[in-house]
Amino acid sequence: MLLQLFFKKNLYLFVLLCSFYSFAQFPRFKALAFYSTEVEEAHVNFANDAIAYLKDLTIGDGFILETTTNMDDLLLDDLQSYSLIIMLNDFPHTQQQRAAFEKYMDNGGGWLGFHVSAYNDKTTNWPWFVDFLGGAVFYTNNWPPMPAKIVVEDTMHPVTKGMPKTYIAPANEWYQWKPSPRENLDVKVLASLSEDNYPFGLKDIIQGGDTPVVWTHTKYRMVYMNIGHGSRIFKEAVQNRMVIAALKYVVSTDKKGNVFKY
């Protein structure tokens, strides 16, 4: 009887250890980060810092992070196997790349975009992308890059939960959008420039107005963050926490299931 009890007890322990070992050995999701080395130096510097920062998050096989400088990788047959696409300093250019990205997102794909990855103007000619961003079209920016007071508009949303109501972000070139994505009822603005910043800039000046810097279009699994200019972005712990939370939020809403609950 004691031997039987011992066997059952240790068999349970063995199965538990095997399960833990299997879980630890196989990352729970895959992410693919796109970046370019052929863009302005400040955007390259950000991408390099971001990749190093994101790779640190994979320690312990938490997830698979792949990186590429080839935007044609959007045409991969297994693109849907990636729970998250990260665009650091680039965006789709050709019609084939754009169509592949649209298909990926329309079929439940996830996107975390930074700074210039959302850039579009009257010459872009990509209506789907403008709608994807909630209608936001680049209007103006401050120059030179400067730190900014950021207002966190919703401290209960998963991306910004637990954050202070305001924080000082590291130096960045901040974009303003016309129309503001806030005008779209399907957009949830999570953070924006504080009015305390205005007039904002030395050469190029944002005089005032609504300037969202973090938002999600609720019809998609996406978060856009207008940070990503230069090598100082990852110097602020509060903002870094928001980056991680945004990544987790997009992955957690995958139709395959929330991997963070297991």
C-alpha atoms as a PDB file:
ATOM      1  CA  MET A   1       0.000   0.000   0.000  1.00  0.00           C
ATOM      2  CA  LEU A   2       2.795   2.432   0.893  1.00  0.00           C
ATOM      3  CA  LEU A   3       4.684   1.468  -2.256  1.00  0.00           C
ATOM      4  CA  GLN A   4       1.585   2.074  -4.357  1.00  0.00           C
ATOM      5  CA  LEU A   5       1.066   5.484  -2.715  1.00  0.00           C
ATOM      6  CA  PHE A   6       4.706   6.389  -3.295  1.00  0.00           C
ATOM      7  CA  PHE A   7       4.425   5.398  -6.965  1.00  0.00           C
ATOM      8  CA  LYS A   8       1.272   7.437  -7.501  1.00  0.00           C
ATOM      9  CA  LYS A   9       2.736  10.457  -5.725  1.00  0.00           C
ATOM     10  CA  ASN A  10       5.966  10.371  -7.702  1.00  0.00           C
ATOM     11  CA  LEU A  11       4.185   9.647 -10.967  1.00  0.00           C
ATOM     12  CA  TYR A  12       2.170  12.825 -10.439  1.00  0.00           C
ATOM     13  CA  LEU A  13       5.399  14.730  -9.729  1.00  0.00           C
ATOM     14  CA  PHE A  14       6.984  13.249 -12.838  1.00  0.00           C
ATOM     15  CA  VAL A  15       4.071  14.286 -15.052  1.00  0.00           C
ATOM     16  CA  LEU A  16       4.077  17.761 -13.511  1.00  0.00           C
ATOM     17  CA  LEU A  17       7.789  18.166 -14.154  1.00  0.00           C
ATOM     18  CA  CYS A  18       7.396  16.934 -17.720  1.00  0.00           C
ATOM     19  CA  SER A  19       4.603  19.418 -18.311  1.00  0.00           C
ATOM     20  CA  PHE A  20       6.681  22.224 -16.867  1.00  0.00           C
ATOM     21  CA  TYR A  21       9.674  21.189 -18.933  1.00  0.00           C
ATOM     22  CA  SER A  22       7.606  21.071 -22.127  1.00  0.00           C
ATOM     23  CA  PHE A  23       6.067  24.462 -21.382  1.00  0.00           C
ATOM     24  CA  ALA A  24       9.445  25.995 -20.668  1.00  0.00           C
ATOM     25  CA  GLN A  25      11.004  24.570 -23.823  1.00  0.00           C
ATOM     26  CA  PHE A  26       8.384  25.744 -26.293  1.00  0.00           C
ATOM     27  CA  PRO A  27       7.644  29.493 -26.521  1.00  0.00           C
ATOM     28  CA  ARG A  28       3.996  30.375 -26.380  1.00  0.00           C
ATOM     29  CA  PHE A  29       3.890  32.743 -29.343  1.00  0.00           C
ATOM     30  CA  LYS A  30       5.935  34.062 -32.247  1.00  0.00           C
ATOM     31  CA  ALA A  31       6.577  37.684 -33.160  1.00  0.00           C
ATOM     32  CA  LEU A  32       8.128  39.088 -36.318  1.00  0.00           C
ATOM     33  CA  ALA A  33       9.758  42.524 -36.171  1.00  0.00           C
ATOM     34  CA  PHE A  34      10.326  44.537 -39.346  1.00  0.00           C
ATOM     35  CA  TYR A  35      12.930  47.282 -39.533  1.00  0.00           C
ATOM     36  CA  SER A  36      15.059  49.091 -42.091  1.00  0.00           C
ATOM     37  CA  THR A  37      18.687  50.157 -42.109  1.00  0.00           C
ATOM     38  CA  GLU A  38      18.053  52.443 -45.087  1.00  0.00           C
ATOM     39  CA  VAL A  39      16.119  55.151 -43.243  1.00  0.00           C
ATOM     40  CA  GLU A  40      17.263  58.193 -41.304  1.00  0.00           C
ATOM     41  CA  GLU A  41      19.890  57.531 -38.666  1.00  0.00           C
ATOM     42  CA  ALA A  42      17.670  58.353 -35.691  1.00  0.00           C
ATOM     43  CA  HIS A  43      15.134  55.752 -36.815  1.00  0.00           C
ATOM     44  CA  VAL A  44      17.867  53.148 -37.314  1.00  0.00           C
ATOM     45  CA  ASN A  45      19.186  53.879 -33.829  1.00  0.00           C
ATOM     46  CA  PHE A  46      15.728  53.366 -32.373  1.00  0.00           C
ATOM     47  CA  ALA A  47      15.254  50.079 -34.242  1.00  0.00           C
ATOM     48  CA  ASN A  48      18.591  48.742 -32.992  1.00  0.00           C
ATOM     49  CA  ASP A  49      17.737  49.686 -29.408  1.00  0.00           C
ATOM     50  CA  ALA A  50      14.242  48.241 -29.731  1.00  0.00           C
ATOM     51  CA  ILE A  51      15.510  44.914 -31.057  1.00  0.00           C
ATOM     52  CA  ALA A  52      17.993  44.643 -28.180  1.00  0.00           C
ATOM     53  CA  TYR A  53      15.248  45.526 -25.706  1.00  0.00           C
ATOM     54  CA  LEU A  54      12.773  43.032 -27.174  1.00  0.00           C
ATOM     55  CA  LYS A  55      15.375  40.278 -27.331  1.00  0.00           C
ATOM     56  CA  ASP A  56      15.960  40.733 -23.602  1.00  0.00           C
ATOM     57  CA  LEU A  57      12.266  39.941 -23.128  1.00  0.00           C
ATOM     58  CA  THR A  58      12.717  36.545 -24.794  1.00  0.00           C
ATOM     59  CA  ILE A  59      15.151  35.337 -22.118  1.00  0.00           C
ATOM     60  CA  GLY A  60      13.978  32.001 -20.762  1.00  0.00           C
ATOM     61  CA  ASP A  61      12.204  31.143 -24.019  1.00  0.00           C
ATOM     62  CA  GLY A  62       9.217  33.307 -23.181  1.00  0.00           C
ATOM     63  CA  PHE A  63       8.503  33.733 -26.882  1.00  0.00           C
ATOM     64  CA  ILE A  64      10.148  33.592 -30.306  1.00  0.00           C
ATOM     65  CA  LEU A  65      11.264  36.917 -31.760  1.00  0.00           C
ATOM     66  CA  GLU A  66      12.364  36.976 -35.377  1.00  0.00           C
ATOM     67  CA  THR A  67      13.627  40.101 -37.100  1.00  0.00           C
ATOM     68  CA  THR A  68      13.845  41.044 -40.757  1.00  0.00           C
ATOM     69  CA  THR A  69      14.815  43.981 -42.955  1.00  0.00           C
ATOM     70  CA  ASN A  70      12.884  42.506 -45.880  1.00  0.00           C
ATOM     71  CA  MET A  71       9.331  43.820 -46.095  1.00  0.00           C
ATOM     72  CA  ASP A  72       8.603  41.094 -48.652  1.00  0.00           C
ATOM     73  CA  ASP A  73       8.543  38.708 -45.689  1.00  0.00           C
ATOM     74  CA  LEU A  74       4.927  39.852 -45.381  1.00  0.00           C
ATOM     75  CA  LEU A  75       4.384  37.457 -48.297  1.00  0.00           C
ATOM     76  CA  LEU A  76       5.474  34.416 -46.256  1.00  0.00           C
ATOM     77  CA  ASP A  77       3.084  31.477 -46.491  1.00  0.00           C
ATOM     78  CA  ASP A  78       3.152  31.029 -42.707  1.00  0.00           C
ATOM     79  CA  LEU A  79       2.658  34.704 -41.810  1.00  0.00           C
ATOM     80  CA  GLN A  80      -0.496  33.833 -39.872  1.00  0.00           C
ATOM     81  CA  SER A  81       1.606  31.705 -37.503  1.00  0.00           C
ATOM     82  CA  TYR A  82       2.945  34.938 -36.015  1.00  0.00           C
ATOM     83  CA  SER A  83       0.700  36.245 -33.268  1.00  0.00           C
ATOM     84  CA  LEU A  84       2.320  39.648 -33.576  1.00  0.00           C
ATOM     85  CA  ILE A  85       3.972  41.744 -36.258  1.00  0.00           C
ATOM     86  CA  ILE A  86       6.083  44.614 -34.945  1.00  0.00           C
ATOM     87  CA  MET A  87       6.970  47.497 -37.235  1.00  0.00           C
ATOM     88  CA  LEU A  88       9.802  49.522 -35.786  1.00  0.00           C
ATOM     89  CA  ASN A  89      10.789  52.070 -38.423  1.00  0.00           C
ATOM     90  CA  ASP A  90       9.243  50.957 -41.695  1.00  0.00           C
ATOM     91  CA  PHE A  91       5.920  50.056 -43.332  1.00  0.00           C
ATOM     92  CA  PRO A  92       4.666  48.175 -46.401  1.00  0.00           C
ATOM     93  CA  HIS A  93       5.528  49.916 -49.683  1.00  0.00           C
ATOM     94  CA  THR A  94       4.510  47.797 -52.674  1.00  0.00           C
ATOM     95  CA  GLN A  95       0.966  46.796 -53.554  1.00  0.00           C
ATOM     96  CA  GLN A  96       1.837  43.150 -52.833  1.00  0.00           C
ATOM     97  CA  GLN A  97       3.210  44.003 -49.393  1.00  0.00           C
ATOM     98  CA  ARG A  98       0.195  46.143 -48.592  1.00  0.00           C
ATOM     99  CA  ALA A  99      -2.251  43.481 -49.722  1.00  0.00           C
ATOM    100  CA  ALA A 100      -0.465  40.842 -47.615  1.00  0.00           C
ATOM    101  CA  PHE A 101      -0.554  43.093 -44.542  1.00  0.00           C
ATOM    102  CA  GLU A 102      -4.247  43.855 -45.050  1.00  0.00           C
ATOM    103  CA  LYS A 103      -5.014  40.136 -45.352  1.00  0.00           C
ATOM    104  CA  TYR A 104      -3.006  39.365 -42.217  1.00  0.00           C
ATOM    105  CA  MET A 105      -4.770  42.013 -40.135  1.00  0.00           C
ATOM    106  CA  ASP A 106      -8.244  41.356 -41.557  1.00  0.00           C
ATOM    107  CA  ASN A 107      -7.819  37.696 -40.598  1.00  0.00           C
ATOM    108  CA  GLY A 108      -7.038  38.421 -36.955  1.00  0.00           C
ATOM    109  CA  GLY A 109      -3.335  39.267 -37.072  1.00  0.00           C
ATOM    110  CA  GLY A 110      -1.694  41.463 -34.446  1.00  0.00           C
ATOM    111  CA  TRP A 111       0.299  44.679 -34.969  1.00  0.00           C
ATOM    112  CA  LEU A 112       2.448  46.826 -32.703  1.00  0.00           C
ATOM    113  CA  GLY A 113       3.649  49.890 -34.578  1.00  0.00           C
ATOM    114  CA  PHE A 114       6.097  52.606 -33.580  1.00  0.00           C
ATOM    115  CA  HIS A 115       6.565  56.181 -34.774  1.00  0.00           C
ATOM    116  CA  VAL A 116       7.210  56.313 -38.525  1.00  0.00           C
ATOM    117  CA  SER A 117       5.526  52.949 -39.111  1.00  0.00           C
ATOM    118  CA  ALA A 118       2.217  54.870 -39.169  1.00  0.00           C
ATOM    119  CA  TYR A 119       3.436  57.741 -41.321  1.00  0.00           C
ATOM    120  CA  ASN A 120       1.110  58.605 -44.172  1.00  0.00           C
ATOM    121  CA  ASP A 121       0.237  61.757 -46.082  1.00  0.00           C
ATOM    122  CA  LYS A 122      -1.584  62.804 -49.244  1.00  0.00           C
ATOM    123  CA  THR A 123       0.976  60.987 -51.407  1.00  0.00           C
ATOM    124  CA  THR A 124       0.624  57.611 -49.680  1.00  0.00           C
ATOM    125  CA  ASN A 125      -2.504  56.494 -51.561  1.00  0.00           C
ATOM    126  CA  TRP A 126      -3.410  53.695 -49.180  1.00  0.00           C
ATOM    127  CA  PRO A 127      -6.975  54.296 -47.915  1.00  0.00           C
ATOM    128  CA  TRP A 128      -7.110  50.987 -46.029  1.00  0.00           C
ATOM    129  CA  PHE A 129      -4.119  51.997 -43.926  1.00  0.00           C
ATOM    130  CA  VAL A 130      -5.619  55.376 -43.068  1.00  0.00           C
ATOM    131  CA  ASP A 131      -8.801  53.609 -41.929  1.00  0.00           C
ATOM    132  CA  PHE A 132      -6.693  51.103 -39.991  1.00  0.00           C
ATOM    133  CA  LEU A 133      -5.133  54.007 -38.078  1.00  0.00           C
ATOM    134  CA  GLY A 134      -8.564  55.396 -37.297  1.00  0.00           C
ATOM    135  CA  GLY A 135      -8.392  58.068 -39.980  1.00  0.00           C
ATOM    136  CA  ALA A 136      -5.137  59.599 -38.751  1.00  0.00           C
ATOM    137  CA  VAL A 137      -3.054  61.402 -41.385  1.00  0.00           C
ATOM    138  CA  PHE A 138       0.281  63.052 -40.571  1.00  0.00           C
ATOM    139  CA  TYR A 139      -0.107  66.794 -40.167  1.00  0.00           C
ATOM    140  CA  THR A 140       2.937  68.225 -38.408  1.00  0.00           C
ATOM    141  CA  ASN A 141       5.657  67.557 -35.842  1.00  0.00           C
ATOM    142  CA  ASN A 142       7.907  69.302 -33.372  1.00  0.00           C
ATOM    143  CA  TRP A 143      11.618  69.768 -34.023  1.00  0.00           C
ATOM    144  CA  PRO A 144      14.149  69.116 -32.606  1.00  0.00           C
ATOM    145  CA  PRO A 145      13.288  65.948 -30.647  1.00  0.00           C
ATOM    146  CA  MET A 146      12.297  66.931 -27.124  1.00  0.00           C
ATOM    147  CA  PRO A 147      11.077  65.286 -23.909  1.00  0.00           C
ATOM    148  CA  ALA A 148       7.348  65.693 -23.405  1.00  0.00           C
ATOM    149  CA  LYS A 149       4.762  65.523 -20.664  1.00  0.00           C
ATOM    150  CA  ILE A 150       2.387  62.692 -21.525  1.00  0.00           C
ATOM    151  CA  VAL A 151      -1.160  62.379 -20.208  1.00  0.00           C
ATOM    152  CA  VAL A 152      -2.315  58.799 -19.629  1.00  0.00           C
ATOM    153  CA  GLU A 153      -6.011  58.936 -20.469  1.00  0.00           C
ATOM    154  CA  ASP A 154      -7.109  55.525 -19.237  1.00  0.00           C
ATOM    155  CA  THR A 155      -5.264  53.952 -16.316  1.00  0.00           C
ATOM    156  CA  MET A 156      -7.534  50.887 -16.417  1.00  0.00           C
ATOM    157  CA  HIS A 157      -6.877  49.727 -19.978  1.00  0.00           C
ATOM    158  CA  PRO A 158      -4.481  46.742 -20.156  1.00  0.00           C
ATOM    159  CA  VAL A 159      -1.873  48.810 -22.024  1.00  0.00           C
ATOM    160  CA  THR A 160      -1.806  51.640 -19.480  1.00  0.00           C
ATOM    161  CA  LYS A 161      -3.157  49.978 -16.340  1.00  0.00           C
ATOM    162  CA  GLY A 162      -1.334  51.074 -13.211  1.00  0.00           C
ATOM    163  CA  MET A 163       0.517  53.920 -14.912  1.00  0.00           C
ATOM    164  CA  PRO A 164       0.601  57.394 -13.397  1.00  0.00           C
ATOM    165  CA  LYS A 165      -1.785  59.944 -14.871  1.00  0.00           C
ATOM    166  CA  THR A 166       1.178  61.808 -16.350  1.00  0.00           C
ATOM    167  CA  TYR A 167       4.851  61.090 -16.979  1.00  0.00           C
ATOM    168  CA  ILE A 168       7.782  62.731 -18.743  1.00  0.00           C
ATOM    169  CA  ALA A 169       8.735  60.807 -21.887  1.00  0.00           C
ATOM    170  CA  PRO A 170      12.299  60.831 -23.254  1.00  0.00           C
ATOM    171  CA  ALA A 171      13.179  63.048 -26.212  1.00  0.00           C
ATOM    172  CA  ASN A 172      11.212  62.137 -29.313  1.00  0.00           C
ATOM    173  CA  GLU A 173       9.905  63.703 -32.489  1.00  0.00           C
ATOM    174  CA  TRP A 174       6.167  63.853 -31.850  1.00  0.00           C
ATOM    175  CA  TYR A 175       3.656  63.643 -34.699  1.00  0.00           C
ATOM    176  CA  GLN A 176       0.320  65.414 -34.774  1.00  0.00           C
ATOM    177  CA  TRP A 177      -2.492  64.018 -36.891  1.00  0.00           C
ATOM    178  CA  LYS A 178      -5.336  65.593 -38.883  1.00  0.00           C
ATOM    179  CA  PRO A 179      -7.931  64.377 -38.399  1.00  0.00           C
ATOM    180  CA  SER A 180      -7.192  63.169 -34.928  1.00  0.00           C
ATOM    181  CA  PRO A 181      -7.857  59.436 -34.563  1.00  0.00           C
ATOM    182  CA  ARG A 182      -9.888  60.390 -31.495  1.00  0.00           C
ATOM    183  CA  GLU A 183     -12.682  61.438 -33.838  1.00  0.00           C
ATOM    184  CA  ASN A 184     -13.178  57.792 -34.824  1.00  0.00           C
ATOM    185  CA  LEU A 185     -15.598  56.075 -32.428  1.00  0.00           C
ATOM    186  CA  ASP A 186     -13.743  52.775 -32.873  1.00  0.00           C
ATOM    187  CA  VAL A 187     -10.479  54.264 -31.634  1.00  0.00           C
ATOM    188  CA  LYS A 188      -9.429  54.244 -27.991  1.00  0.00           C
ATOM    189  CA  VAL A 189      -6.810  56.898 -27.255  1.00  0.00           C
ATOM    190  CA  LEU A 190      -4.670  55.795 -24.323  1.00  0.00           C
ATOM    191  CA  ALA A 191      -2.111  58.591 -24.061  1.00  0.00           C
ATOM    192  CA  SER A 192      -1.570  62.014 -25.578  1.00  0.00           C
ATOM    193  CA  LEU A 193       0.616  65.104 -25.351  1.00  0.00           C
ATOM    194  CA  SER A 194      -0.261  67.297 -22.413  1.00  0.00           C
ATOM    195  CA  GLU A 195      -1.369  70.823 -23.208  1.00  0.00           C
ATOM    196  CA  ASP A 196       1.378  71.890 -20.787  1.00  0.00           C
ATOM    197  CA  ASN A 197       3.877  71.225 -23.613  1.00  0.00           C
ATOM    198  CA  TYR A 198       2.503  73.867 -25.986  1.00  0.00           C
ATOM    199  CA  PRO A 199       3.882  75.709 -27.844  1.00  0.00           C
ATOM    200  CA  PHE A 200       6.139  72.695 -28.430  1.00  0.00           C
ATOM    201  CA  GLY A 201       9.372  72.844 -30.422  1.00  0.00           C
ATOM    202  CA  LEU A 202      12.154  75.252 -31.410  1.00  0.00           C
ATOM    203  CA  LYS A 203      12.334  75.042 -35.200  1.00  0.00           C
ATOM    204  CA  ASP A 204       9.093  73.225 -36.002  1.00  0.00           C
ATOM    205  CA  ILE A 205       6.488  74.111 -33.404  1.00  0.00           C
ATOM    206  CA  ILE A 206       3.237  72.375 -32.510  1.00  0.00           C
ATOM    207  CA  GLN A 207       1.173  75.312 -31.368  1.00  0.00           C
ATOM    208  CA  GLY A 208      -1.572  73.320 -29.663  1.00  0.00           C
ATOM    209  CA  GLY A 209      -4.431  70.943 -30.268  1.00  0.00           C
ATOM    210  CA  ASP A 210      -5.136  67.262 -29.767  1.00  0.00           C
ATOM    211  CA  THR A 211      -2.049  65.060 -30.188  1.00  0.00           C
ATOM    212  CA  PRO A 212      -2.689  61.384 -29.378  1.00  0.00           C
ATOM    213  CA  VAL A 213       0.512  59.366 -29.038  1.00  0.00           C
ATOM    214  CA  VAL A 214      -0.801  55.899 -28.101  1.00  0.00           C
ATOM    215  CA  TRP A 215      -4.041  54.385 -29.343  1.00  0.00           C
ATOM    216  CA  THR A 216      -5.767  51.219 -30.474  1.00  0.00           C
ATOM    217  CA  HIS A 217      -8.332  50.716 -33.217  1.00  0.00           C
ATOM    218  CA  THR A 218     -10.748  48.366 -31.509  1.00  0.00           C
ATOM    219  CA  LYS A 219     -11.758  46.582 -34.734  1.00  0.00           C
ATOM    220  CA  TYR A 220      -8.218  45.208 -34.979  1.00  0.00           C
ATOM    221  CA  ARG A 221      -5.604  43.661 -32.729  1.00  0.00           C
ATOM    222  CA  MET A 222      -3.319  46.668 -32.839  1.00  0.00           C
ATOM    223  CA  VAL A 223      -1.583  49.314 -30.776  1.00  0.00           C
ATOM    224  CA  TYR A 224       0.237  52.311 -32.214  1.00  0.00           C
ATOM    225  CA  MET A 225       2.846  54.180 -30.175  1.00  0.00           C
ATOM    226  CA  ASN A 226       4.320  57.421 -31.515  1.00  0.00           C
ATOM    227  CA  ILE A 227       7.676  56.818 -29.868  1.00  0.00           C
ATOM    228  CA  GLY A 228      10.670  55.773 -31.920  1.00  0.00           C
ATOM    229  CA  HIS A 229      13.059  58.579 -32.816  1.00  0.00           C
ATOM    230  CA  GLY A 230      16.664  58.351 -31.607  1.00  0.00           C
ATOM    231  CA  SER A 231      18.497  56.309 -28.999  1.00  0.00           C
ATOM    232  CA  ARG A 232      16.872  57.627 -25.815  1.00  0.00           C
ATOM    233  CA  ILE A 233      13.456  56.005 -26.055  1.00  0.00           C
ATOM    234  CA  PHE A 234      14.142  53.103 -23.680  1.00  0.00           C
ATOM    235  CA  LYS A 235      15.539  55.296 -20.901  1.00  0.00           C
ATOM    236  CA  GLU A 236      12.239  55.685 -19.013  1.00  0.00           C
ATOM    237  CA  ALA A 237      10.880  52.825 -16.895  1.00  0.00           C
ATOM    238  CA  VAL A 238       7.226  53.914 -16.989  1.00  0.00           C
ATOM    239  CA  GLN A 239       7.235  54.095 -20.774  1.00  0.00           C
ATOM    240  CA  ASN A 240       9.104  50.784 -21.050  1.00  0.00           C
ATOM    241  CA  ARG A 241       6.399  49.187 -18.938  1.00  0.00           C
ATOM    242  CA  MET A 242       3.797  50.480 -21.376  1.00  0.00           C
ATOM    243  CA  VAL A 243       5.676  48.965 -24.327  1.00  0.00           C
ATOM    244  CA  ILE A 244       5.647  45.549 -22.648  1.00  0.00           C
ATOM    245  CA  ALA A 245       1.975  45.921 -21.737  1.00  0.00           C
ATOM    246  CA  ALA A 246       1.119  46.836 -25.334  1.00  0.00           C
ATOM    247  CA  LEU A 247       2.913  43.756 -26.630  1.00  0.00           C
ATOM    248  CA  LYS A 248       1.097  41.555 -24.124  1.00  0.00           C
ATOM    249  CA  TYR A 249      -2.261  43.156 -24.900  1.00  0.00           C
ATOM    250  CA  VAL A 250      -2.039  42.503 -28.628  1.00  0.00           C
ATOM    251  CA  VAL A 251      -0.890  38.911 -28.105  1.00  0.00           C
ATOM    252  CA  SER A 252      -3.514  38.243 -25.420  1.00  0.00           C
ATOM    253  CA  THR A 253      -6.339  39.132 -27.817  1.00  0.00           C
ATOM    254  CA  ASP A 254      -5.284  36.541 -30.400  1.00  0.00           C
ATOM    255  CA  LYS A 255      -8.284  34.437 -31.455  1.00  0.00           C
ATOM    256  CA  LYS A 256      -6.149  31.372 -30.693  1.00  0.00           C
ATOM    257  CA  GLY A 257      -6.474  32.246 -27.008  1.00  0.00           C
ATOM    258  CA  ASN A 258      -4.728  34.282 -24.319  1.00  0.00           C
ATOM    259  CA  VAL A 259      -1.406  32.496 -23.791  1.00  0.00           C
ATOM    260  CA  PHE A 260      -0.730  34.486 -20.636  1.00  0.00           C
ATOM    261  CA  LYS A 261      -3.547  32.744 -18.761  1.00  0.00           C
ATOM    262  CA  TYR A 262      -1.900  29.344 -18.921  1.00  0.00           C
END
